């Protein structure tokens, strides 16, 4: 694992430490690790909140309201602060479930056919709607000093992410993250993910104001 130059990220929620890391010869490029309050403090904790964030340029940067990606990131940052320590790994190469620029074709299907994000993905990507893998993420965390002695409160709704960490031997407890005040399109997408892909989302989460 190759590490870039780390430094402080000062937000309205507090000061985080940001560490760029990339698996040499890997597929997914730079992983941006956001640690609260810093790596030394996080490593001293036996239980750590963790969030793996797939990049979402349209939602996080441009403010697209058809997803809840930006809201989930904000919730994860608050959880890090509330717990006194936490790690968020942002993976820009995972945008569009790993399909990158083709994500916008998926979005177009959603609008033109009035279907949810799961059906659009399965129509466009056929047998492989989600091509992401998280083995590189596991390698990065190990290189940072995380071991099987640490347990994770894993901020995710996705069983796919949990699978990789359990297979790596980490002690993981899934902690669903769903924000309120979502658009109808975003809500429909969450329902579809729960129904079709086994995401841990209950109706009361989706209806939350």
Protein backbone atom coordinates (compact mmCIF):
# COMPACT_ATOMS: atom_id res chain seq x y z
CA UNK A 1 0.00 0.00 0.00
CA UNK A 2 1.37 3.41 -0.98
CA UNK A 3 0.42 6.36 1.23
CA UNK A 4 0.18 9.97 0.06
CA UNK A 5 0.60 13.17 2.04
CA UNK A 6 -1.77 13.36 5.00
CA UNK A 7 -3.17 16.50 6.57
CA UNK A 8 -6.04 18.07 8.53
CA UNK A 9 -9.57 18.46 7.18
CA UNK A 10 -11.39 21.10 9.24
CA UNK A 11 -15.18 20.76 9.02
CA UNK A 12 -18.14 22.26 10.83
CA UNK A 13 -18.28 19.03 12.84
CA UNK A 14 -14.64 19.04 13.88
CA UNK A 15 -11.11 18.44 12.66
CA UNK A 16 -10.39 15.16 10.89
CA UNK A 17 -7.14 13.70 9.56
CA UNK A 18 -7.13 12.77 5.86
CA UNK A 19 -4.77 10.07 4.57
CA UNK A 20 -4.60 9.12 0.86
CA UNK A 21 -3.71 5.46 0.19
CA UNK A 22 -3.53 3.28 -2.90
CA UNK A 23 -2.91 -0.43 -3.32
CA UNK A 24 0.06 -0.77 -5.67
CA UNK A 25 -1.18 -2.42 -8.86
CA UNK A 26 -4.74 -2.27 -7.57
CA UNK A 27 -7.94 -1.67 -9.51
CA UNK A 28 -9.71 1.09 -7.61
CA UNK A 29 -7.13 3.86 -7.34
CA UNK A 30 -6.74 6.23 -4.42
CA UNK A 31 -8.70 5.59 -1.23
CA UNK A 32 -9.16 8.72 0.90
CA UNK A 33 -9.19 7.81 4.60
CA UNK A 34 -10.87 10.38 6.84
CA UNK A 35 -10.04 9.70 10.50
CA UNK A 36 -11.45 11.36 13.60
CA UNK A 37 -9.75 12.83 15.50
CA UNK A 38 -6.53 11.24 14.20
CA UNK A 39 -5.13 7.81 13.39
CA UNK A 40 -3.22 7.39 16.68
CA UNK A 41 -6.35 7.95 18.76
CA UNK A 42 -8.48 5.70 16.55
CA UNK A 43 -5.99 2.83 16.75
CA UNK A 44 -6.04 2.99 20.55
CA UNK A 45 -9.75 2.22 20.55
CA UNK A 46 -10.86 -1.43 20.56
CA UNK A 47 -14.21 -0.50 19.01
CA UNK A 48 -14.31 1.94 16.10
CA UNK A 49 -17.08 3.34 13.94
CA UNK A 50 -16.25 2.78 10.27
CA UNK A 51 -17.90 3.76 7.00
CA UNK A 52 -16.90 2.74 3.46
CA UNK A 53 -18.14 5.43 1.09
CA UNK A 54 -18.33 4.72 -2.62
CA UNK A 55 -17.63 7.86 -4.61
CA UNK A 56 -20.67 9.70 -5.92
CA UNK A 57 -19.66 12.78 -7.86
CA UNK A 58 -23.17 13.71 -8.95
CA UNK A 59 -24.63 13.45 -5.45
CA UNK A 60 -21.80 14.58 -3.19
CA UNK A 61 -20.35 17.32 -5.37
CA UNK A 62 -23.20 18.46 -7.63
CA UNK A 63 -26.08 17.92 -5.22
CA UNK A 64 -28.11 15.35 -7.17
CA UNK A 65 -31.13 14.45 -5.01
CA UNK A 66 -31.89 11.07 -6.57
CA UNK A 67 -29.59 9.40 -4.03
CA UNK A 68 -28.77 9.84 -0.34
CA UNK A 69 -24.98 9.53 -0.65
CA UNK A 70 -24.13 13.00 0.64
CA UNK A 71 -26.53 12.66 3.56
CA UNK A 72 -25.00 9.31 4.50
CA UNK A 73 -21.53 10.85 4.49
CA UNK A 74 -22.71 13.61 6.82
CA UNK A 75 -24.32 11.08 9.16
CA UNK A 76 -21.10 9.03 9.20
CA UNK A 77 -19.01 12.09 10.08
CA UNK A 78 -21.35 12.89 12.96
CA UNK A 79 -21.08 9.29 14.18
CA UNK A 80 -17.29 9.54 14.19
CA UNK A 81 -17.45 12.65 16.37
CA UNK A 82 -20.16 11.26 18.63
CA UNK A 83 -18.19 8.05 19.24
CA UNK A 84 -14.94 9.92 19.87
CA UNK A 85 -13.16 8.07 17.06
CA UNK A 86 -14.03 6.84 13.60
CA UNK A 87 -12.82 6.10 10.09
CA UNK A 88 -14.47 6.91 6.77
CA UNK A 89 -12.93 5.58 3.56
CA UNK A 90 -13.95 7.41 0.40
CA UNK A 91 -13.35 5.48 -2.84
CA UNK A 92 -13.94 7.71 -5.90
CA UNK A 93 -13.29 4.75 -8.23
CA UNK A 94 -16.44 3.09 -6.89
CA UNK A 95 -18.72 5.76 -8.35
CA UNK A 96 -21.78 4.27 -10.02
CA UNK A 97 -21.25 0.91 -8.24
CA UNK A 98 -17.89 0.74 -9.95
CA UNK A 99 -19.17 1.61 -13.44
CA UNK A 100 -17.91 5.20 -13.40
CA UNK A 101 -19.22 7.40 -16.20
CA UNK A 102 -21.80 4.78 -17.22
CA UNK A 103 -23.68 5.71 -14.06
CA UNK A 104 -25.30 8.56 -15.98
CA UNK A 105 -26.77 6.11 -18.51
CA UNK A 106 -28.25 4.29 -15.54
CA UNK A 107 -29.70 7.59 -14.30
CA UNK A 108 -31.19 8.25 -17.72
CA UNK A 109 -32.98 4.92 -17.65
CA UNK A 110 -34.45 5.80 -14.26
CA UNK A 111 -35.98 8.98 -15.61
CA UNK A 112 -37.09 7.87 -19.06
CA UNK A 113 -38.67 4.59 -17.88
CA UNK A 114 -39.71 5.79 -14.41
CA UNK A 115 -38.04 2.86 -12.67
CA UNK A 116 -35.98 2.55 -9.49
CA UNK A 117 -32.21 2.46 -9.32
CA UNK A 118 -32.02 -1.33 -8.87
CA UNK A 119 -34.13 -2.13 -11.93
CA UNK A 120 -32.24 0.46 -13.97
CA UNK A 121 -28.90 -1.06 -12.94
CA UNK A 122 -30.02 -4.60 -13.73
CA UNK A 123 -31.32 -3.57 -17.15
CA UNK A 124 -28.22 -1.60 -18.08
CA UNK A 125 -25.51 -3.75 -16.50
CA UNK A 126 -27.40 -7.04 -16.95
CA UNK A 127 -25.75 -9.76 -14.84
CA UNK A 128 -23.30 -7.50 -13.01
CA UNK A 129 -25.11 -4.40 -11.69
CA UNK A 130 -22.50 -3.94 -8.94
CA UNK A 131 -18.88 -4.55 -9.90
CA UNK A 132 -17.28 -3.13 -6.75
CA UNK A 133 -14.88 -5.15 -4.62
CA UNK A 134 -13.57 -4.22 -1.17
CA UNK A 135 -10.47 -6.37 -0.78
CA UNK A 136 -8.27 -3.33 -1.44
CA UNK A 137 -10.10 -1.46 1.31
CA UNK A 138 -9.28 -4.29 3.73
CA UNK A 139 -5.60 -4.12 2.72
CA UNK A 140 -5.54 -0.37 3.32
CA UNK A 141 -7.01 -0.72 6.81
CA UNK A 142 -4.49 -3.40 7.71
CA UNK A 143 -1.66 -1.20 6.44
CA UNK A 144 -2.95 1.59 8.70
CA UNK A 145 -2.63 -0.71 11.70
CA UNK A 146 -6.15 -2.09 12.11
CA UNK A 147 -6.12 -5.73 13.23
CA UNK A 148 -8.52 -8.49 14.22
CA UNK A 149 -8.28 -7.14 17.76
CA UNK A 150 -10.37 -4.15 16.65
CA UNK A 151 -14.12 -4.41 16.28
CA UNK A 152 -16.13 -2.22 13.94
CA UNK A 153 -19.51 -0.56 14.21
CA UNK A 154 -19.95 -0.66 10.45
CA UNK A 155 -22.08 2.19 9.11
CA UNK A 156 -23.66 0.58 6.08
CA UNK A 157 -26.89 -0.84 4.72
CA UNK A 158 -25.10 -3.15 2.29
CA UNK A 159 -24.45 -6.85 3.01
CA UNK A 160 -21.79 -6.82 0.24
CA UNK A 161 -19.46 -4.60 2.26
CA UNK A 162 -20.00 -6.60 5.44
CA UNK A 163 -19.11 -9.84 3.62
CA UNK A 164 -15.59 -8.68 2.74
CA UNK A 165 -14.77 -7.64 6.29
CA UNK A 166 -16.13 -10.81 7.86
CA UNK A 167 -14.11 -12.89 5.41
CA UNK A 168 -11.02 -10.90 6.41
CA UNK A 169 -11.58 -11.92 10.02
CA UNK A 170 -12.73 -8.58 11.41
CA UNK A 171 -15.39 -8.41 14.12
CA UNK A 172 -18.20 -6.40 12.53
CA UNK A 173 -21.59 -5.18 13.71
CA UNK A 174 -23.70 -3.61 10.97
CA UNK A 175 -25.15 -0.20 11.80
CA UNK A 176 -27.72 0.99 9.20
CA UNK A 177 -27.41 4.58 7.98
CA UNK A 178 -30.49 6.18 6.47
CA UNK A 179 -31.21 9.90 6.49
CA UNK A 180 -34.51 11.71 6.57
CA UNK A 181 -35.97 14.32 4.20
CA UNK A 182 -35.30 12.29 1.04
CA UNK A 183 -36.90 12.84 -2.34
CA UNK A 184 -39.45 10.30 -3.56
CA UNK A 185 -36.90 9.03 -6.11
CA UNK A 186 -34.30 8.43 -3.40
CA UNK A 187 -36.88 6.71 -1.17
CA UNK A 188 -37.92 4.42 -4.02
CA UNK A 189 -34.29 3.49 -4.55
CA UNK A 190 -33.87 2.55 -0.87
CA UNK A 191 -36.97 0.37 -0.93
CA UNK A 192 -35.70 -1.43 -4.03
CA UNK A 193 -32.26 -2.03 -2.47
CA UNK A 194 -33.89 -3.50 0.63
CA UNK A 195 -36.20 -5.73 -1.38
CA UNK A 196 -33.83 -6.88 -4.12
CA UNK A 197 -30.35 -6.64 -2.61
CA UNK A 198 -30.97 -7.29 1.08
CA UNK A 199 -30.01 -3.86 2.37
CA UNK A 200 -30.78 -3.28 6.04
CA UNK A 201 -33.42 -0.60 5.69
CA UNK A 202 -36.78 -0.55 7.45
CA UNK A 203 -39.83 1.44 6.38
CA UNK A 204 -39.60 3.69 9.44
CA UNK A 205 -36.10 4.70 8.31
CA UNK A 206 -37.39 5.65 4.88
CA UNK A 207 -40.37 7.57 6.24
CA UNK A 208 -38.24 9.54 8.72
CA UNK A 209 -38.68 13.31 8.34
